[in-house]
Amino acid sequence: MVEQLLINVDDYDVPDANLLVTEDDTPVDNLASAKQQRLLVRSLYSSLQNQTFLATANVGVYHTAGEPPIVPDVFISFDVQVPENWWEKQNRSYLVWKFGKVPEVVIEIVSNQEGEELEKKLRIYEKMRVIYYIVYDPCQQLGEEILRIYRLNGRYYMETQETWLEQVGLGVTLWSGEFEGKQDNWLRWCYQDGNVLPTGDERAEMERLQKEEAQQRAENAETRAQTAENRAQLLAERLLAMGVDPENLKHDNLKEY
């Protein structure tokens, strides 16, 4: 059950969205981060089709009037939708006072030591009261830990080893495999049993393999039936060669029964 921190717009001095810098055309910092972001976002949309949420990457979150936005690598916010007219200035970014809540989960992917993921960004998400803050450090730029998970405990974050995010019904796991033609180690969403949320391509591949397996079982059953028929035919031919009519044997067996 998601514990939602709803925002009362009347409590905010809401700025004019037309004055906000909602995009500055700054590109993503590297190819690996971009691919990791796509994996996290795509698997959510292919697997949580019965839930209402917004998941995205590299989109500004305006959290406090008068302050610049913070731009998470990935975030997910439940029970909100992209506005219908998303080209309007006020709908291009995630304005907390417009959506009425902060995202439940934020993920930062560390690519260097300049991002302040464990300092400034942590304090901002903590102040925003984002329930889960996840720092994925694949190259161990910030220390030995590859994955750090912080859960809001009262007013402050508490680091936890629990990878199941109880309040949102999702987990995270480190997974080795191929995505978009690249074999590597990845951060992935998972179910409580540890199985990863599949992307659309993975789901299609699983369905293809299941279809092939079902077809193979059908072909095997047909082959077994054909083999049994061939054996029966061969037996009948041998009986006839011995002067015994197989039909009479069937008739006698029925009478005996």
Protein backbone atom coordinates (compact mmCIF):
# COMPACT_ATOMS: atom_id res chain seq x y z
CA MET A 1 0.00 0.00 0.00
CA VAL A 2 1.56 3.30 -1.08
CA GLU A 3 1.72 5.88 1.65
CA GLN A 4 1.01 9.03 -0.33
CA LEU A 5 2.28 12.41 0.77
CA LEU A 6 -0.31 14.67 -0.80
CA ILE A 7 0.40 18.33 -1.38
CA ASN A 8 -2.11 21.09 -0.73
CA VAL A 9 -1.61 23.57 -3.56
CA ASP A 10 -3.14 26.35 -1.47
CA ASP A 11 -0.15 26.09 0.87
CA TYR A 12 2.26 27.05 -1.92
CA ASP A 13 3.12 30.30 -3.59
CA VAL A 14 2.73 28.70 -7.01
CA PRO A 15 5.09 30.24 -9.59
CA ASP A 16 4.15 31.04 -13.15
CA ALA A 17 5.08 27.94 -15.16
CA ASN A 18 5.95 30.11 -18.15
CA LEU A 19 8.86 31.52 -16.18
CA LEU A 20 10.33 28.10 -15.32
CA VAL A 21 13.23 26.61 -17.26
CA THR A 22 11.64 23.22 -17.87
CA GLU A 23 14.31 21.98 -20.26
CA ASP A 24 17.80 23.16 -21.13
CA ASP A 25 18.62 20.59 -23.85
CA THR A 26 21.48 19.16 -21.78
CA PRO A 27 22.15 15.62 -23.07
CA VAL A 28 22.36 12.55 -20.85
CA ASP A 29 25.86 12.15 -19.49
CA ASN A 30 26.77 8.75 -20.98
CA LEU A 31 25.52 5.85 -23.09
CA ALA A 32 25.56 3.32 -20.24
CA SER A 33 23.37 5.49 -18.00
CA ALA A 34 20.93 6.13 -20.85
CA LYS A 35 20.56 2.42 -21.53
CA GLN A 36 20.14 1.64 -17.82
CA GLN A 37 17.45 4.30 -17.56
CA ARG A 38 15.55 2.84 -20.52
CA LEU A 39 15.66 -0.63 -18.96
CA LEU A 40 14.19 0.63 -15.69
CA VAL A 41 11.43 2.66 -17.32
CA ARG A 42 10.46 0.23 -20.07
CA SER A 43 10.08 -2.75 -17.77
CA LEU A 44 7.66 -0.79 -15.59
CA TYR A 45 5.39 0.11 -18.47
CA SER A 46 5.44 -3.40 -19.93
CA SER A 47 4.73 -5.09 -16.58
CA LEU A 48 2.52 -2.75 -14.52
CA GLN A 49 -0.19 -2.35 -17.13
CA ASN A 50 -3.03 -2.44 -14.59
CA GLN A 51 -1.62 0.35 -12.44
CA THR A 52 -1.69 4.11 -12.85
CA PHE A 53 1.73 5.70 -12.57
CA LEU A 54 4.27 7.96 -14.20
CA ALA A 55 7.83 6.70 -14.67
CA THR A 56 10.44 8.63 -16.56
CA ALA A 57 14.12 9.53 -16.80
CA ASN A 58 16.00 12.83 -16.82
CA VAL A 59 12.90 14.98 -16.24
CA GLY A 60 13.03 17.91 -13.87
CA VAL A 61 11.11 17.72 -10.59
CA TYR A 62 10.12 21.15 -9.29
CA HIS A 63 9.70 20.61 -5.58
CA THR A 64 9.93 24.06 -3.99
CA ALA A 65 8.75 27.38 -5.37
CA GLY A 66 11.69 29.67 -6.05
CA GLU A 67 14.25 26.86 -6.17
CA PRO A 68 15.66 25.11 -9.24
CA PRO A 69 14.43 21.62 -10.05
CA ILE A 70 16.25 18.42 -9.27
CA VAL A 71 16.61 15.99 -12.18
CA PRO A 72 16.58 12.34 -11.09
CA ASP A 73 17.99 9.72 -13.40
CA VAL A 74 14.75 7.75 -12.91
CA PHE A 75 11.65 8.25 -10.81
CA ILE A 76 8.24 6.64 -10.42
CA SER A 77 5.15 8.35 -9.06
CA PHE A 78 1.99 6.32 -8.50
CA ASP A 79 -1.62 7.40 -9.05
CA VAL A 80 -0.70 10.23 -11.42
CA GLN A 81 -0.82 10.50 -15.19
CA VAL A 82 0.87 12.56 -17.86
CA PRO A 83 -1.42 15.53 -18.61
CA GLU A 84 -3.31 15.27 -21.88
CA ASN A 85 -1.72 18.38 -23.33
CA TRP A 86 1.85 17.59 -22.41
CA TRP A 87 3.32 20.22 -24.73
CA GLU A 88 2.03 23.04 -22.56
CA LYS A 89 4.81 24.69 -20.57
CA GLN A 90 3.30 23.74 -17.20
CA ASN A 91 3.02 20.08 -18.23
CA ARG A 92 6.54 19.45 -19.54
CA SER A 93 8.11 18.79 -16.15
CA TYR A 94 7.02 17.27 -12.87
CA LEU A 95 5.67 20.19 -10.84
CA VAL A 96 4.94 18.81 -7.38
CA TRP A 97 2.26 21.43 -6.70
CA LYS A 98 0.51 20.48 -9.95
CA PHE A 99 0.65 16.70 -9.56
CA GLY A 100 -0.22 17.02 -5.88
CA LYS A 101 2.48 14.68 -4.59
CA VAL A 102 6.15 13.80 -4.76
CA PRO A 103 7.39 10.63 -6.48
CA GLU A 104 7.55 7.53 -4.28
CA VAL A 105 10.87 6.23 -5.65
CA VAL A 106 13.88 8.07 -7.05
CA ILE A 107 16.96 6.39 -8.54
CA GLU A 108 20.31 8.04 -9.18
CA ILE A 109 22.88 6.26 -11.34
CA VAL A 110 26.44 7.23 -10.39
CA SER A 111 28.87 7.82 -13.23
CA ASN A 112 31.44 10.02 -11.47
CA GLN A 113 32.18 11.64 -8.11
CA GLU A 114 30.65 15.00 -8.99
CA GLY A 115 26.94 14.21 -8.59
CA GLU A 116 26.71 14.55 -4.79
CA GLU A 117 24.33 11.60 -4.66
CA LEU A 118 25.13 10.87 -1.02
CA GLU A 119 25.17 14.49 0.08
CA LYS A 120 23.22 17.30 -1.57
CA LYS A 121 20.81 15.11 -3.56
CA LEU A 122 20.12 12.86 -0.59
CA ARG A 123 19.23 15.89 1.54
CA ILE A 124 16.93 17.28 -1.16
CA TYR A 125 15.01 14.01 -1.59
CA GLU A 126 14.87 13.66 2.18
CA LYS A 127 13.39 17.14 2.51
CA MET A 128 10.94 16.37 -0.30
CA ARG A 129 9.94 13.24 1.64
CA VAL A 130 10.48 10.82 -1.22
CA ILE A 131 9.82 7.43 0.39
CA TYR A 132 12.65 5.49 -1.28
CA TYR A 133 15.92 6.88 -2.59
CA ILE A 134 18.15 4.41 -4.46
CA VAL A 135 21.77 5.05 -5.44
CA TYR A 136 23.16 2.66 -8.06
CA ASP A 137 26.95 2.89 -8.30
CA PRO A 138 28.02 0.25 -10.87
CA CYS A 139 31.63 1.45 -11.07
CA GLN A 140 31.93 1.94 -7.28
CA GLN A 141 32.79 5.61 -7.59
CA LEU A 142 31.47 6.35 -4.09
CA GLY A 143 32.82 3.32 -2.24
CA GLU A 144 32.47 -0.45 -2.16
CA GLU A 145 28.66 -0.54 -2.17
CA ILE A 146 27.15 -0.91 -5.62
CA LEU A 147 23.59 -0.48 -4.41
CA ARG A 148 22.40 1.78 -1.61
CA ILE A 149 18.76 1.95 -0.60
CA TYR A 150 17.38 4.64 1.67
CA ARG A 151 13.91 4.53 3.21
CA LEU A 152 12.24 7.51 4.80
CA ASN A 153 11.96 6.95 8.53
CA GLY A 154 10.16 9.91 10.07
CA ARG A 155 11.95 13.02 8.86
CA TYR A 156 15.19 11.34 7.83
CA TYR A 157 16.51 8.62 5.57
CA MET A 158 17.66 5.32 6.99
CA GLU A 159 19.86 3.09 4.86
CA THR A 160 18.45 -0.40 4.58
CA GLN A 161 19.56 -3.74 3.16
CA GLU A 162 15.96 -4.60 2.31
CA THR A 163 15.58 -4.68 -1.48
CA TRP A 164 11.80 -5.19 -1.38
CA LEU A 165 10.18 -1.76 -1.31
CA GLU A 166 7.14 -2.68 0.74
CA GLN A 167 5.24 0.58 0.41
CA VAL A 168 5.21 0.48 -3.39
CA GLY A 169 5.04 -3.27 -3.95
CA LEU A 170 8.23 -3.40 -6.01
CA GLY A 171 11.74 -4.66 -5.45
CA VAL A 172 15.13 -3.97 -6.98
CA THR A 173 17.85 -6.46 -7.79
CA LEU A 174 21.21 -6.67 -9.53
CA TRP A 175 20.90 -8.80 -12.67
CA SER A 176 23.41 -10.09 -15.19
CA GLY A 177 22.14 -10.46 -18.74
CA GLU A 178 21.59 -8.84 -22.12
CA PHE A 179 19.61 -5.69 -22.82
CA GLU A 180 19.47 -3.98 -26.21
CA GLY A 181 22.34 -6.15 -27.43
CA LYS A 182 24.62 -5.35 -24.50
CA GLN A 183 25.66 -8.05 -22.02
CA ASP A 184 26.36 -6.48 -18.63
CA ASN A 185 25.26 -6.16 -15.01
CA TRP A 186 22.09 -4.14 -14.58
CA LEU A 187 19.83 -2.70 -11.91
CA ARG A 188 16.31 -4.07 -12.39
CA TRP A 189 12.90 -3.96 -10.81
CA CYS A 190 11.72 -7.29 -9.47
CA TYR A 191 8.75 -9.01 -7.90
CA GLN A 192 8.84 -10.16 -4.30
CA ASP A 193 10.01 -13.62 -5.41
CA GLY A 194 13.06 -12.05 -7.03
CA ASN A 195 11.98 -12.51 -10.66
CA VAL A 196 12.65 -9.39 -12.71
CA LEU A 197 9.93 -7.33 -14.36
CA PRO A 198 10.32 -8.16 -18.05
CA THR A 199 10.61 -5.59 -20.79
CA GLY A 200 8.26 -5.77 -23.76
CA ASP A 201 10.91 -7.57 -25.82
CA GLU A 202 11.55 -10.09 -23.05
CA ARG A 203 7.82 -10.69 -22.63
CA ALA A 204 7.45 -11.27 -26.39
CA GLU A 205 10.39 -13.68 -26.35
CA MET A 206 8.89 -15.62 -23.42
CA GLU A 207 5.57 -15.89 -25.25
CA ARG A 208 7.38 -17.09 -28.39
CA LEU A 209 9.24 -19.78 -26.44
CA GLN A 210 6.03 -20.88 -24.71
CA LYS A 211 4.29 -21.14 -28.08
CA GLU A 212 7.18 -23.18 -29.50
CA GLU A 213 7.11 -25.46 -26.45
CA ALA A 214 3.37 -26.03 -26.81
CA GLN A 215 3.81 -26.72 -30.52
CA GLN A 216 6.62 -29.17 -29.77
CA ARG A 217 4.44 -31.00 -27.24
CA ALA A 218 1.65 -31.23 -29.82
CA GLU A 219 4.07 -32.54 -32.44
CA ASN A 220 5.47 -35.09 -29.97
CA ALA A 221 1.96 -36.29 -29.16
CA GLU A 222 1.18 -36.60 -32.87
CA THR A 223 4.43 -38.50 -33.42
CA ARG A 224 3.61 -40.90 -30.57
CA ALA A 225 0.14 -41.48 -31.99
CA GLN A 226 1.56 -42.11 -35.45
CA THR A 227 4.15 -44.51 -34.01
CA ALA A 228 1.44 -46.44 -32.17
CA GLU A 229 -0.63 -46.62 -35.36
CA ASN A 230 2.36 -47.87 -37.34
CA ARG A 231 3.04 -50.57 -34.75
CA ALA A 232 -0.58 -51.68 -34.81
CA GLN A 233 -0.49 -51.86 -38.59
CA LEU A 234 2.74 -53.87 -38.53
CA LEU A 235 1.25 -56.30 -35.98
CA ALA A 236 -1.86 -56.71 -38.11
CA GLU A 237 0.25 -57.51 -41.17
CA ARG A 238 2.25 -60.12 -39.22
CA LEU A 239 -0.96 -61.74 -37.96
CA LEU A 240 -2.33 -61.89 -41.46
CA ALA A 241 0.90 -63.48 -42.65
CA MET A 242 0.35 -66.15 -39.99
CA GLY A 243 -3.20 -66.72 -41.22
CA VAL A 244 -4.86 -64.93 -38.35
CA ASP A 245 -7.45 -62.26 -39.02
CA PRO A 246 -6.90 -59.34 -36.59
CA GLU A 247 -10.60 -58.44 -36.78
CA ASN A 248 -11.56 -61.88 -35.50
CA LEU A 249 -9.20 -61.40 -32.56
CA LYS A 250 -10.91 -58.13 -31.73
CA HIS A 251 -14.33 -59.83 -31.98
CA ASP A 252 -13.25 -62.73 -29.75
CA ASN A 253 -11.82 -60.35 -27.15
CA LEU A 254 -15.05 -58.43 -27.03
CA LYS A 255 -17.09 -61.62 -26.59
CA GLU A 256 -14.79 -62.74 -23.80
CA TYR A 257 -15.14 -59.36 -22.11
